[in-house]
Amino acid sequence: THTHTRTMKFRFCGEQDCPDWLLAEISLLTKVSSVKMKMLTTAVVSGMIARDLDYPKLQKLTQDAKYDPKDLKAFVACMHFILTSAAKHDVDGDTLSNELQQLGLPKEHGAAICKAYSDKTVELRRMLHDDSLRLWRLEDVDWRIDYVISSSELQAVHQPSVQLKIKSSSPQGTGWESNTALVSLSASQLRDFIAELKAAQALMQSLTA
């Protein structure tokens, strides 16, 4: 059991307890050899940085461990959390290796993970920095004007209503997740919306000047 870890704080977790779900999956990480662990960690790190995980390669490397698709996804989730959290909290390889051993991971496996982590720490931190500056990105905006005959929302009959369709994407795991928002605005709401956008633009320009 790992009950003793519940009262421990870990630097790679931001001086917090290790998440229960990660503790539950530690045994899954031990099913691969330490040699394969180094190769797997390198593949996961490279995929994270490129935002394109090579799942066929990961499946091939985990054949000996007999991972099913669910196991492989759990493995990737564990590695993603460990690597991004360690980079986010500025944890060095030796410290990370020691903390992973405290969670029950064999020393050889911890060393394999940390070797790959140390080799790519700079790139990982740059990726996290870029994501922190680019929380989401606008992909497309479509609009149309409708004339509403009657509505509980609009006081005047034949009041024009602007329908906005905004497509955006945000960082999600190792890639980007697409989102679509549908917004209906009256003429006065549209004017307020444009004024707020202009104020936000002016603020951003002042910060980058």
N, C-alpha and C. Protein backbone atom coordinates (compact mmCIF):
# COMPACT_ATOMS: atom_id res chain seq x y z
N THR A 1 0.84 -1.20 0.00
CA THR A 1 0.00 0.00 0.00
C THR A 1 0.86 1.24 0.00
N HIS A 2 0.23 2.37 -0.32
CA HIS A 2 0.96 3.64 -0.36
C HIS A 2 0.35 4.63 0.63
N THR A 3 -0.21 4.10 1.73
CA THR A 3 -0.87 4.99 2.67
C THR A 3 0.09 6.00 3.27
N HIS A 4 1.37 5.63 3.40
CA HIS A 4 2.33 6.55 3.99
C HIS A 4 2.57 7.77 3.12
N THR A 5 2.33 7.64 1.82
CA THR A 5 2.59 8.77 0.92
C THR A 5 1.53 9.85 1.05
N ARG A 6 0.39 9.53 1.66
CA ARG A 6 -0.70 10.49 1.72
C ARG A 6 -0.38 11.66 2.62
N THR A 7 0.55 11.45 3.56
CA THR A 7 0.92 12.53 4.47
C THR A 7 2.19 13.22 4.01
N MET A 8 2.74 12.80 2.86
CA MET A 8 3.98 13.37 2.35
C MET A 8 3.70 14.43 1.30
N LYS A 9 4.57 15.41 1.23
CA LYS A 9 4.48 16.45 0.22
C LYS A 9 5.59 16.24 -0.80
N PHE A 10 5.28 16.45 -2.05
CA PHE A 10 6.25 16.20 -3.12
C PHE A 10 6.50 17.48 -3.91
N ARG A 11 7.75 17.74 -4.16
CA ARG A 11 8.12 18.95 -4.90
C ARG A 11 7.54 18.93 -6.31
N PHE A 12 7.55 17.76 -6.95
CA PHE A 12 7.05 17.73 -8.32
C PHE A 12 5.53 17.90 -8.37
N CYS A 13 4.88 17.81 -7.22
CA CYS A 13 3.44 18.09 -7.12
C CYS A 13 3.19 19.46 -6.53
N GLY A 14 4.20 20.31 -6.52
CA GLY A 14 4.04 21.66 -5.98
C GLY A 14 3.94 21.68 -4.47
N GLU A 15 4.71 20.79 -3.82
CA GLU A 15 4.67 20.67 -2.35
C GLU A 15 3.28 20.25 -1.85
N GLN A 16 2.58 19.47 -2.67
CA GLN A 16 1.27 18.95 -2.30
C GLN A 16 1.32 17.43 -2.25
N ASP A 17 0.23 16.82 -1.78
CA ASP A 17 0.13 15.36 -1.80
C ASP A 17 0.13 14.88 -3.24
N CYS A 18 0.59 13.65 -3.43
CA CYS A 18 0.50 13.04 -4.76
C CYS A 18 -0.96 12.66 -5.02
N PRO A 19 -1.49 12.95 -6.20
CA PRO A 19 -2.88 12.60 -6.51
C PRO A 19 -3.13 11.10 -6.34
N ASP A 20 -4.28 10.76 -5.81
CA ASP A 20 -4.62 9.35 -5.59
C ASP A 20 -4.60 8.54 -6.88
N TRP A 21 -5.07 9.17 -7.97
CA TRP A 21 -5.14 8.42 -9.23
C TRP A 21 -3.74 8.04 -9.72
N LEU A 22 -2.74 8.89 -9.45
CA LEU A 22 -1.38 8.58 -9.86
C LEU A 22 -0.81 7.45 -9.00
N LEU A 23 -1.08 7.49 -7.71
CA LEU A 23 -0.65 6.40 -6.82
C LEU A 23 -1.21 5.06 -7.29
N ALA A 24 -2.46 5.08 -7.73
CA ALA A 24 -3.12 3.85 -8.15
C ALA A 24 -2.51 3.28 -9.43
N GLU A 25 -1.84 4.13 -10.23
CA GLU A 25 -1.30 3.67 -11.51
C GLU A 25 0.21 3.39 -11.46
N ILE A 26 0.85 3.58 -10.32
CA ILE A 26 2.30 3.36 -10.23
C ILE A 26 2.66 1.93 -10.63
N SER A 27 1.85 0.97 -10.21
CA SER A 27 2.15 -0.43 -10.54
C SER A 27 2.12 -0.66 -12.05
N LEU A 28 1.30 0.13 -12.76
CA LEU A 28 1.23 0.01 -14.21
C LEU A 28 2.57 0.39 -14.85
N LEU A 29 3.23 1.41 -14.27
CA LEU A 29 4.50 1.87 -14.82
C LEU A 29 5.62 0.84 -14.65
N THR A 30 5.46 -0.04 -13.66
CA THR A 30 6.52 -1.03 -13.39
C THR A 30 6.43 -2.24 -14.32
N LYS A 31 5.38 -2.31 -15.13
CA LYS A 31 5.21 -3.48 -16.01
C LYS A 31 6.17 -3.46 -17.20
N VAL A 32 6.74 -2.30 -17.50
CA VAL A 32 7.72 -2.20 -18.58
C VAL A 32 9.11 -2.21 -17.97
N SER A 33 10.09 -2.65 -18.75
CA SER A 33 11.47 -2.68 -18.26
C SER A 33 12.01 -1.26 -18.14
N SER A 34 13.09 -1.09 -17.39
CA SER A 34 13.68 0.25 -17.23
C SER A 34 14.23 0.75 -18.56
N VAL A 35 14.71 -0.17 -19.40
CA VAL A 35 15.23 0.22 -20.72
C VAL A 35 14.09 0.76 -21.58
N LYS A 36 12.96 0.04 -21.57
CA LYS A 36 11.79 0.50 -22.34
C LYS A 36 11.24 1.79 -21.73
N MET A 37 11.34 1.94 -20.42
CA MET A 37 10.84 3.15 -19.77
C MET A 37 11.56 4.38 -20.28
N LYS A 38 12.86 4.28 -20.46
CA LYS A 38 13.64 5.40 -20.99
C LYS A 38 13.16 5.76 -22.39
N MET A 39 12.95 4.74 -23.23
CA MET A 39 12.49 4.97 -24.60
C MET A 39 11.08 5.53 -24.63
N LEU A 40 10.22 5.00 -23.74
CA LEU A 40 8.84 5.48 -23.67
C LEU A 40 8.77 6.93 -23.21
N THR A 41 9.56 7.24 -22.18
CA THR A 41 9.55 8.61 -21.66
C THR A 41 10.03 9.59 -22.72
N THR A 42 11.07 9.20 -23.44
CA THR A 42 11.59 10.05 -24.52
C THR A 42 10.52 10.26 -25.58
N ALA A 43 9.80 9.19 -25.93
CA ALA A 43 8.75 9.30 -26.95
C ALA A 43 7.61 10.20 -26.47
N VAL A 44 7.22 10.06 -25.19
CA VAL A 44 6.14 10.88 -24.64
C VAL A 44 6.57 12.35 -24.58
N VAL A 45 7.79 12.61 -24.10
CA VAL A 45 8.27 13.98 -24.02
C VAL A 45 8.32 14.62 -25.40
N SER A 46 8.85 13.89 -26.38
CA SER A 46 8.95 14.41 -27.74
C SER A 46 7.56 14.70 -28.30
N GLY A 47 6.60 13.81 -28.01
CA GLY A 47 5.24 14.01 -28.47
C GLY A 47 4.58 15.21 -27.83
N MET A 48 4.86 15.41 -26.54
CA MET A 48 4.31 16.56 -25.83
C MET A 48 4.82 17.86 -26.43
N ILE A 49 6.13 17.90 -26.69
CA ILE A 49 6.74 19.11 -27.23
C ILE A 49 6.24 19.39 -28.65
N ALA A 50 6.10 18.31 -29.45
CA ALA A 50 5.63 18.46 -30.83
C ALA A 50 4.11 18.53 -30.90
N ARG A 51 3.44 18.29 -29.76
CA ARG A 51 1.98 18.25 -29.66
C ARG A 51 1.40 17.20 -30.61
N ASP A 52 2.09 16.07 -30.69
CA ASP A 52 1.63 15.00 -31.57
C ASP A 52 2.23 13.68 -31.09
N LEU A 53 1.51 12.97 -30.22
CA LEU A 53 2.00 11.71 -29.69
C LEU A 53 1.96 10.61 -30.75
N ASP A 54 3.03 9.84 -30.81
CA ASP A 54 3.12 8.71 -31.75
C ASP A 54 2.60 7.46 -31.05
N TYR A 55 1.28 7.27 -31.04
CA TYR A 55 0.69 6.14 -30.32
C TYR A 55 1.13 4.78 -30.88
N PRO A 56 1.24 4.61 -32.21
CA PRO A 56 1.72 3.32 -32.72
C PRO A 56 3.10 2.96 -32.15
N LYS A 57 3.98 3.95 -32.01
CA LYS A 57 5.30 3.69 -31.44
C LYS A 57 5.19 3.30 -29.98
N LEU A 58 4.32 3.98 -29.24
CA LEU A 58 4.12 3.66 -27.83
C LEU A 58 3.53 2.25 -27.68
N GLN A 59 2.61 1.88 -28.56
CA GLN A 59 2.02 0.54 -28.50
C GLN A 59 3.08 -0.53 -28.75
N LYS A 60 3.98 -0.26 -29.68
CA LYS A 60 5.04 -1.21 -29.99
C LYS A 60 5.99 -1.38 -28.81
N LEU A 61 6.32 -0.25 -28.15
CA LEU A 61 7.25 -0.31 -27.02
C LEU A 61 6.64 -0.97 -25.78
N THR A 62 5.30 -1.02 -25.72
CA THR A 62 4.65 -1.60 -24.54
C THR A 62 4.06 -2.99 -24.81
N GLN A 63 4.45 -3.60 -25.93
CA GLN A 63 3.93 -4.93 -26.27
C GLN A 63 4.27 -5.95 -25.18
N ASP A 64 5.50 -5.91 -24.69
CA ASP A 64 5.93 -6.88 -23.67
C ASP A 64 5.11 -6.75 -22.39
N ALA A 65 4.66 -5.52 -22.09
CA ALA A 65 3.89 -5.30 -20.87
C ALA A 65 2.43 -5.68 -21.04
N LYS A 66 2.05 -6.00 -22.30
CA LYS A 66 0.67 -6.40 -22.61
C LYS A 66 -0.35 -5.34 -22.17
N TYR A 67 -0.03 -4.09 -22.47
CA TYR A 67 -0.96 -3.00 -22.19
C TYR A 67 -2.15 -3.09 -23.15
N ASP A 68 -3.36 -2.89 -22.62
CA ASP A 68 -4.50 -2.71 -23.51
C ASP A 68 -4.63 -1.21 -23.77
N PRO A 69 -5.52 -0.78 -24.67
CA PRO A 69 -5.63 0.66 -24.99
C PRO A 69 -5.86 1.52 -23.75
N LYS A 70 -6.65 1.03 -22.80
CA LYS A 70 -6.92 1.78 -21.58
C LYS A 70 -5.65 1.94 -20.75
N ASP A 71 -4.85 0.87 -20.67
CA ASP A 71 -3.58 0.93 -19.93
C ASP A 71 -2.63 1.95 -20.55
N LEU A 72 -2.58 1.95 -21.88
CA LEU A 72 -1.67 2.86 -22.57
C LEU A 72 -2.06 4.31 -22.32
N LYS A 73 -3.36 4.59 -22.35
CA LYS A 73 -3.83 5.95 -22.08
C LYS A 73 -3.51 6.35 -20.64
N ALA A 74 -3.65 5.41 -19.71
CA ALA A 74 -3.32 5.68 -18.31
C ALA A 74 -1.83 5.94 -18.15
N PHE A 75 -1.01 5.18 -18.87
CA PHE A 75 0.44 5.37 -18.84
C PHE A 75 0.81 6.76 -19.33
N VAL A 76 0.23 7.16 -20.46
CA VAL A 76 0.50 8.48 -21.03
C VAL A 76 0.06 9.58 -20.06
N ALA A 77 -1.10 9.40 -19.43
CA ALA A 77 -1.61 10.39 -18.48
C ALA A 77 -0.65 10.54 -17.30
N CYS A 78 -0.14 9.41 -16.80
CA CYS A 78 0.82 9.44 -15.69
C CYS A 78 2.09 10.18 -16.08
N MET A 79 2.64 9.83 -17.24
CA MET A 79 3.88 10.44 -17.67
C MET A 79 3.69 11.93 -17.95
N HIS A 80 2.54 12.27 -18.54
CA HIS A 80 2.26 13.68 -18.83
C HIS A 80 2.20 14.49 -17.53
N PHE A 81 1.53 13.95 -16.52
CA PHE A 81 1.43 14.66 -15.24
C PHE A 81 2.80 14.79 -14.58
N ILE A 82 3.54 13.69 -14.52
CA ILE A 82 4.85 13.70 -13.86
C ILE A 82 5.79 14.70 -14.53
N LEU A 83 5.86 14.65 -15.84
CA LEU A 83 6.82 15.48 -16.58
C LEU A 83 6.44 16.96 -16.56
N THR A 84 5.16 17.26 -16.81
CA THR A 84 4.76 18.67 -16.83
C THR A 84 4.79 19.28 -15.43
N SER A 85 4.41 18.51 -14.43
CA SER A 85 4.42 19.03 -13.06
C SER A 85 5.85 19.28 -12.59
N ALA A 86 6.75 18.37 -12.91
CA ALA A 86 8.15 18.53 -12.52
C ALA A 86 8.75 19.77 -13.18
N ALA A 87 8.45 19.94 -14.48
CA ALA A 87 8.98 21.11 -15.21
C ALA A 87 8.35 22.40 -14.68
N LYS A 88 7.06 22.35 -14.41
CA LYS A 88 6.33 23.53 -13.92
C LYS A 88 6.88 24.00 -12.58
N HIS A 89 7.23 23.05 -11.71
CA HIS A 89 7.70 23.40 -10.37
C HIS A 89 9.22 23.42 -10.25
N ASP A 90 9.89 23.42 -11.42
CA ASP A 90 11.35 23.59 -11.47
C ASP A 90 12.08 22.53 -10.64
N VAL A 91 11.68 21.28 -10.81
CA VAL A 91 12.29 20.17 -10.08
C VAL A 91 13.42 19.57 -10.92
N ASP A 92 14.57 19.35 -10.29
CA ASP A 92 15.69 18.75 -11.01
C ASP A 92 15.51 17.24 -11.11
N GLY A 93 16.29 16.62 -11.99
CA GLY A 93 16.15 15.19 -12.25
C GLY A 93 16.38 14.32 -11.03
N ASP A 94 17.39 14.62 -10.24
CA ASP A 94 17.71 13.80 -9.06
C ASP A 94 16.56 13.84 -8.05
N THR A 95 16.02 15.02 -7.82
CA THR A 95 14.90 15.16 -6.88
C THR A 95 13.69 14.39 -7.37
N LEU A 96 13.41 14.50 -8.67
CA LEU A 96 12.27 13.80 -9.23
C LEU A 96 12.44 12.29 -9.10
N SER A 97 13.65 11.82 -9.36
CA SER A 97 13.93 10.38 -9.25
C SER A 97 13.69 9.89 -7.82
N ASN A 98 14.17 10.64 -6.86
CA ASN A 98 13.99 10.26 -5.46
C ASN A 98 12.52 10.24 -5.06
N GLU A 99 11.77 11.23 -5.53
CA GLU A 99 10.36 11.30 -5.16
C GLU A 99 9.56 10.18 -5.82
N LEU A 100 9.91 9.82 -7.04
CA LEU A 100 9.22 8.72 -7.71
C LEU A 100 9.49 7.39 -6.99
N GLN A 101 10.70 7.24 -6.46
CA GLN A 101 11.01 6.04 -5.67
C GLN A 101 10.17 6.00 -4.40
N GLN A 102 9.94 7.17 -3.80
CA GLN A 102 9.11 7.22 -2.60
C GLN A 102 7.67 6.81 -2.89
N LEU A 103 7.26 6.97 -4.15
CA LEU A 103 5.92 6.56 -4.55
C LEU A 103 5.83 5.07 -4.84
N GLY A 104 6.99 4.40 -4.86
CA GLY A 104 6.99 2.96 -5.10
C GLY A 104 7.55 2.55 -6.44
N LEU A 105 8.07 3.49 -7.21
CA LEU A 105 8.65 3.16 -8.50
C LEU A 105 10.08 2.66 -8.29
N PRO A 106 10.47 1.55 -8.93
CA PRO A 106 11.84 1.05 -8.78
C PRO A 106 12.88 2.11 -9.15
N LYS A 107 14.03 2.04 -8.52
CA LYS A 107 15.09 3.03 -8.74
C LYS A 107 15.47 3.13 -10.21
N GLU A 108 15.58 1.98 -10.88
CA GLU A 108 15.99 1.97 -12.29
C GLU A 108 14.96 2.67 -13.17
N HIS A 109 13.69 2.50 -12.84
CA HIS A 109 12.63 3.14 -13.62
C HIS A 109 12.63 4.66 -13.38
N GLY A 110 12.82 5.04 -12.13
CA GLY A 110 12.89 6.47 -11.81
C GLY A 110 14.05 7.14 -12.51
N ALA A 111 15.20 6.45 -12.54
CA ALA A 111 16.38 6.99 -13.20
C ALA A 111 16.15 7.12 -14.70
N ALA A 112 15.45 6.14 -15.28
CA ALA A 112 15.17 6.16 -16.73
C ALA A 112 14.26 7.33 -17.09
N ILE A 113 13.24 7.55 -16.28
CA ILE A 113 12.33 8.68 -16.52
C ILE A 113 13.08 10.00 -16.41
N CYS A 114 13.90 10.11 -15.37
CA CYS A 114 14.58 11.37 -15.10
C CYS A 114 15.69 11.68 -16.09
N LYS A 115 16.27 10.66 -16.70
CA LYS A 115 17.28 10.89 -17.73
C LYS A 115 16.61 11.55 -18.94
N ALA A 116 15.48 11.00 -19.36
CA ALA A 116 14.75 11.59 -20.49
C ALA A 116 14.22 12.97 -20.13
N TYR A 117 13.75 13.12 -18.89
CA TYR A 117 13.24 14.42 -18.42
C TYR A 117 14.34 15.47 -18.43
N SER A 118 15.50 15.11 -17.91
CA SER A 118 16.62 16.06 -17.82
C SER A 118 17.08 16.50 -19.21
N ASP A 119 17.05 15.55 -20.16
CA ASP A 119 17.48 15.87 -21.53
C ASP A 119 16.55 16.88 -22.21
N LYS A 120 15.28 16.92 -21.79
CA LYS A 120 14.28 17.76 -22.46
C LYS A 120 13.68 18.82 -21.55
N THR A 121 14.28 19.06 -20.38
CA THR A 121 13.70 19.99 -19.42
C THR A 121 13.51 21.38 -20.01
N VAL A 122 14.50 21.88 -20.73
CA VAL A 122 14.43 23.23 -21.31
C VAL A 122 13.27 23.32 -22.29
N GLU A 123 13.13 22.31 -23.16
CA GLU A 123 12.05 22.33 -24.13
C GLU A 123 10.68 22.22 -23.46
N LEU A 124 10.60 21.39 -22.39
CA LEU A 124 9.34 21.25 -21.67
C LEU A 124 8.91 22.58 -21.03
N ARG A 125 9.87 23.26 -20.42
CA ARG A 125 9.54 24.54 -19.77
C ARG A 125 9.16 25.59 -20.80
N ARG A 126 9.79 25.54 -21.95
CA ARG A 126 9.43 26.49 -23.01
C ARG A 126 8.00 26.21 -23.48
N MET A 127 7.64 24.93 -23.60
CA MET A 127 6.28 24.57 -24.00
C MET A 127 5.26 25.07 -22.98
N LEU A 128 5.55 24.88 -21.69
CA LEU A 128 4.65 25.34 -20.64
C LEU A 128 4.54 26.86 -20.64
N HIS A 129 5.66 27.52 -20.89
CA HIS A 129 5.66 28.98 -20.95
C HIS A 129 4.81 29.48 -22.11
N ASP A 130 4.96 28.83 -23.26
CA ASP A 130 4.16 29.21 -24.43
C ASP A 130 2.69 29.01 -24.16
N ASP A 131 2.34 27.90 -23.49
CA ASP A 131 0.94 27.61 -23.20
C ASP A 131 0.36 28.62 -22.21
N SER A 132 1.20 29.08 -21.27
CA SER A 132 0.71 30.05 -20.29
C SER A 132 0.43 31.39 -20.94
N LEU A 133 1.14 31.70 -22.01
CA LEU A 133 0.93 32.96 -22.72
C LEU A 133 -0.18 32.83 -23.76
N ARG A 134 -0.45 31.61 -24.18
CA ARG A 134 -1.45 31.38 -25.23
C ARG A 134 -2.47 30.38 -24.70
N LEU A 135 -3.33 30.88 -23.80
CA LEU A 135 -4.32 30.01 -23.17
C LEU A 135 -5.34 29.50 -24.18
N TRP A 136 -5.62 30.28 -25.20
CA TRP A 136 -6.50 29.82 -26.26
C TRP A 136 -6.21 30.65 -27.51
N ARG A 137 -6.64 30.17 -28.64
CA ARG A 137 -6.44 30.93 -29.88
C ARG A 137 -7.73 30.93 -30.69
N LEU A 138 -7.98 32.04 -31.33
CA LEU A 138 -9.17 32.22 -32.14
C LEU A 138 -8.95 31.59 -33.51
N GLU A 139 -9.87 30.74 -33.92
CA GLU A 139 -9.74 30.07 -35.21
C GLU A 139 -10.59 30.72 -36.29
N ASP A 140 -11.84 31.09 -35.93
CA ASP A 140 -12.75 31.64 -36.95
C ASP A 140 -13.94 32.31 -36.27
N VAL A 141 -14.48 33.33 -36.92
CA VAL A 141 -15.69 34.01 -36.44
C VAL A 141 -16.66 34.13 -37.62
N ASP A 142 -17.88 33.68 -37.40
CA ASP A 142 -18.93 33.82 -38.41
C ASP A 142 -20.10 34.57 -37.77
N TRP A 143 -20.82 35.33 -38.58
CA TRP A 143 -21.92 36.11 -38.00
C TRP A 143 -23.04 36.30 -39.02
N ARG A 144 -24.20 36.60 -38.47
CA ARG A 144 -25.34 36.95 -39.31
C ARG A 144 -26.28 37.83 -38.48
N ILE A 145 -27.14 38.57 -39.16
CA ILE A 145 -28.12 39.44 -38.48
C ILE A 145 -29.52 38.88 -38.70
N ASP A 146 -30.20 38.67 -37.59
CA ASP A 146 -31.59 38.21 -37.64
C ASP A 146 -32.50 39.33 -37.15
N TYR A 147 -33.70 39.38 -37.70
CA TYR A 147 -34.70 40.32 -37.21
C TYR A 147 -35.75 39.53 -36.43
N VAL A 148 -35.78 39.78 -35.14
CA VAL A 148 -36.67 39.03 -34.27
C VAL A 148 -38.05 39.68 -34.25
N ILE A 149 -39.08 38.91 -34.56
CA ILE A 149 -40.45 39.43 -34.57
C ILE A 149 -40.93 39.68 -33.15
N SER A 150 -40.71 38.72 -32.25
CA SER A 150 -41.08 38.90 -30.85
C SER A 150 -40.19 38.03 -29.99
N SER A 151 -39.84 38.55 -28.84
CA SER A 151 -38.95 37.82 -27.94
C SER A 151 -39.08 38.37 -26.54
N SER A 152 -38.97 37.50 -25.55
CA SER A 152 -39.01 37.94 -24.16
C SER A 152 -37.73 38.68 -23.79
N GLU A 153 -36.67 38.46 -24.58
CA GLU A 153 -35.38 39.09 -24.31
C GLU A 153 -35.29 40.49 -24.88
N LEU A 154 -36.03 40.75 -25.94
CA LEU A 154 -35.93 42.03 -26.63
C LEU A 154 -37.23 42.82 -26.47
N GLN A 155 -37.07 44.09 -26.15
CA GLN A 155 -38.24 44.92 -25.87
C GLN A 155 -38.99 45.31 -27.14
N ALA A 156 -38.26 45.64 -28.18
CA ALA A 156 -38.89 46.16 -29.39
C ALA A 156 -39.11 45.07 -30.43
N VAL A 157 -40.23 45.14 -31.11
CA VAL A 157 -40.51 44.22 -32.20
C VAL A 157 -39.63 44.61 -33.39
N HIS A 158 -39.23 43.62 -34.18
CA HIS A 158 -38.35 43.84 -35.33
C HIS A 158 -36.96 44.35 -34.91
N GLN A 159 -36.57 44.06 -33.67
CA GLN A 159 -35.24 44.47 -33.19
C GLN A 159 -34.18 43.55 -33.82
N PRO A 160 -33.14 44.11 -34.43
CA PRO A 160 -32.10 43.25 -35.02
C PRO A 160 -31.31 42.53 -33.94
N SER A 161 -30.94 41.30 -34.23
CA SER A 161 -30.14 40.48 -33.31
C SER A 161 -28.95 39.90 -34.08
N VAL A 162 -27.76 40.05 -33.51
CA VAL A 162 -26.55 39.54 -34.16
C VAL A 162 -26.23 38.16 -33.60
N GLN A 163 -26.08 37.20 -34.50
CA GLN A 163 -25.72 35.83 -34.11
C GLN A 163 -24.24 35.60 -34.43
N LEU A 164 -23.44 35.37 -33.37
CA LEU A 164 -22.01 35.14 -33.54
C LEU A 164 -21.70 33.66 -33.33
N LYS A 165 -20.88 33.13 -34.20
CA LYS A 165 -20.37 31.76 -34.06
C LYS A 165 -18.85 31.86 -33.97
N ILE A 166 -18.31 31.60 -32.77
CA ILE A 166 -16.89 31.78 -32.51
C ILE A 166 -16.21 30.42 -32.33
N LYS A 167 -15.25 30.14 -33.19
CA LYS A 167 -14.48 28.89 -33.08
C LYS A 167 -13.10 29.20 -32.49
N SER A 168 -12.74 28.46 -31.45
CA SER A 168 -11.45 28.66 -30.81
C SER A 168 -10.84 27.30 -30.46
N SER A 169 -9.59 27.31 -30.03
CA SER A 169 -8.94 26.09 -29.57
C SER A 169 -8.09 26.43 -28.36
N SER A 170 -7.95 25.46 -27.48
CA SER A 170 -7.19 25.66 -26.25
C SER A 170 -6.29 24.46 -26.01
N PRO A 171 -5.15 24.68 -25.32
CA PRO A 171 -4.25 23.57 -25.03
C PRO A 171 -4.96 22.49 -24.21
N GLN A 172 -4.84 21.25 -24.64
CA GLN A 172 -5.47 20.14 -23.94
C GLN A 172 -4.55 18.94 -24.05
N GLY A 173 -3.92 18.57 -22.93
CA GLY A 173 -3.01 17.44 -22.97
C GLY A 173 -1.83 17.72 -23.88
N THR A 174 -1.68 16.87 -24.90
CA THR A 174 -0.56 17.04 -25.82
C THR A 174 -0.94 17.75 -27.10
N GLY A 175 -2.18 18.21 -27.19
CA GLY A 175 -2.59 18.90 -28.41
C GLY A 175 -3.53 20.05 -28.12
N TRP A 176 -4.39 20.32 -29.10
CA TRP A 176 -5.34 21.44 -28.96
C TRP A 176 -6.75 20.90 -29.09
N GLU A 177 -7.64 21.42 -28.25
CA GLU A 177 -9.05 21.03 -28.27
C GLU A 177 -9.87 22.15 -28.89
N SER A 178 -10.71 21.80 -29.86
CA SER A 178 -11.54 22.80 -30.54
C SER A 178 -12.81 23.07 -29.75
N ASN A 179 -13.22 24.32 -29.77
CA ASN A 179 -14.44 24.74 -29.07
C ASN A 179 -15.24 25.66 -29.98
N THR A 180 -16.55 25.58 -29.90
CA THR A 180 -17.44 26.46 -30.67
C THR A 180 -18.45 27.08 -29.72
N ALA A 181 -18.56 28.40 -29.79
CA ALA A 181 -19.51 29.12 -28.94
C ALA A 181 -20.50 29.87 -29.83
N LEU A 182 -21.77 29.75 -29.51
CA LEU A 182 -22.82 30.47 -30.22
C LEU A 182 -23.36 31.56 -29.31
N VAL A 183 -23.35 32.81 -29.78
CA VAL A 183 -23.74 33.95 -28.96
C VAL A 183 -24.76 34.80 -29.73
N SER A 184 -25.83 35.20 -29.04
CA SER A 184 -26.84 36.08 -29.61
C SER A 184 -26.78 37.43 -28.89
N LEU A 185 -26.59 38.50 -29.63
CA LEU A 185 -26.44 39.83 -29.05
C LEU A 185 -27.43 40.82 -29.66
N SER A 186 -27.99 41.67 -28.81
CA SER A 186 -28.80 42.78 -29.32
C SER A 186 -27.85 43.86 -29.81
N ALA A 187 -28.37 44.88 -30.44
CA ALA A 187 -27.52 45.96 -30.95
C ALA A 187 -26.73 46.62 -29.83
N SER A 188 -27.39 46.88 -28.70
CA SER A 188 -26.70 47.53 -27.59
C SER A 188 -25.65 46.60 -26.97
N GLN A 189 -25.95 45.31 -26.88
CA GLN A 189 -24.98 44.35 -26.35
C GLN A 189 -23.77 44.24 -27.27
N LEU A 190 -24.02 44.31 -28.58
CA LEU A 190 -22.92 44.24 -29.54
C LEU A 190 -22.00 45.45 -29.39
N ARG A 191 -22.59 46.65 -29.19
CA ARG A 191 -21.78 47.85 -28.99
C ARG A 191 -20.92 47.71 -27.73
N ASP A 192 -21.51 47.19 -26.65
CA ASP A 192 -20.76 47.00 -25.41
C ASP A 192 -19.63 45.97 -25.61
N PHE A 193 -19.95 44.91 -26.35
CA PHE A 193 -18.98 43.85 -26.62
C PHE A 193 -17.77 44.39 -27.39
N ILE A 194 -18.05 45.20 -28.42
CA ILE A 194 -16.97 45.79 -29.23
C ILE A 194 -16.14 46.75 -28.39
N ALA A 195 -16.79 47.53 -27.52
CA ALA A 195 -16.06 48.46 -26.64
C ALA A 195 -15.13 47.70 -25.70
N GLU A 196 -15.61 46.55 -25.17
CA GLU A 196 -14.78 45.75 -24.26
C GLU A 196 -13.60 45.14 -25.00
N LEU A 197 -13.83 44.69 -26.23
CA LEU A 197 -12.74 44.13 -27.03
C LEU A 197 -11.67 45.19 -27.32
N LYS A 198 -12.11 46.41 -27.64
CA LYS A 198 -11.16 47.49 -27.91
C LYS A 198 -10.37 47.84 -26.65
N ALA A 199 -11.04 47.82 -25.49
CA ALA A 199 -10.35 48.11 -24.22
C ALA A 199 -9.31 47.03 -23.92
N ALA A 200 -9.68 45.76 -24.18
CA ALA A 200 -8.74 44.65 -23.95
C ALA A 200 -7.55 44.75 -24.89
N GLN A 201 -7.81 45.12 -26.17
CA GLN A 201 -6.74 45.28 -27.14
C GLN A 201 -5.79 46.39 -26.72
N ALA A 202 -6.33 47.50 -26.25
CA ALA A 202 -5.50 48.61 -25.82
C ALA A 202 -4.64 48.23 -24.62
N LEU A 203 -5.22 47.43 -23.69
CA LEU A 203 -4.47 46.97 -22.53
C LEU A 203 -3.32 46.07 -22.94
N MET A 204 -3.59 45.15 -23.85
CA MET A 204 -2.55 44.22 -24.33
C MET A 204 -1.42 44.99 -25.03
N GLN A 205 -1.80 45.96 -25.83
CA GLN A 205 -0.79 46.76 -26.54
C GLN A 205 0.07 47.56 -25.56
N SER A 206 -0.54 48.05 -24.47
CA SER A 206 0.22 48.80 -23.49
C SER A 206 1.21 47.91 -22.74
N LEU A 207 0.82 46.63 -22.55
CA LEU A 207 1.69 45.70 -21.83
C LEU A 207 2.88 45.24 -22.68
N THR A 208 2.68 45.23 -24.00
CA THR A 208 3.76 44.77 -24.89
C THR A 208 4.57 45.93 -25.46
N ALA A 209 4.19 47.16 -25.15
CA ALA A 209 4.89 48.33 -25.70
C ALA A 209 6.27 48.47 -25.06
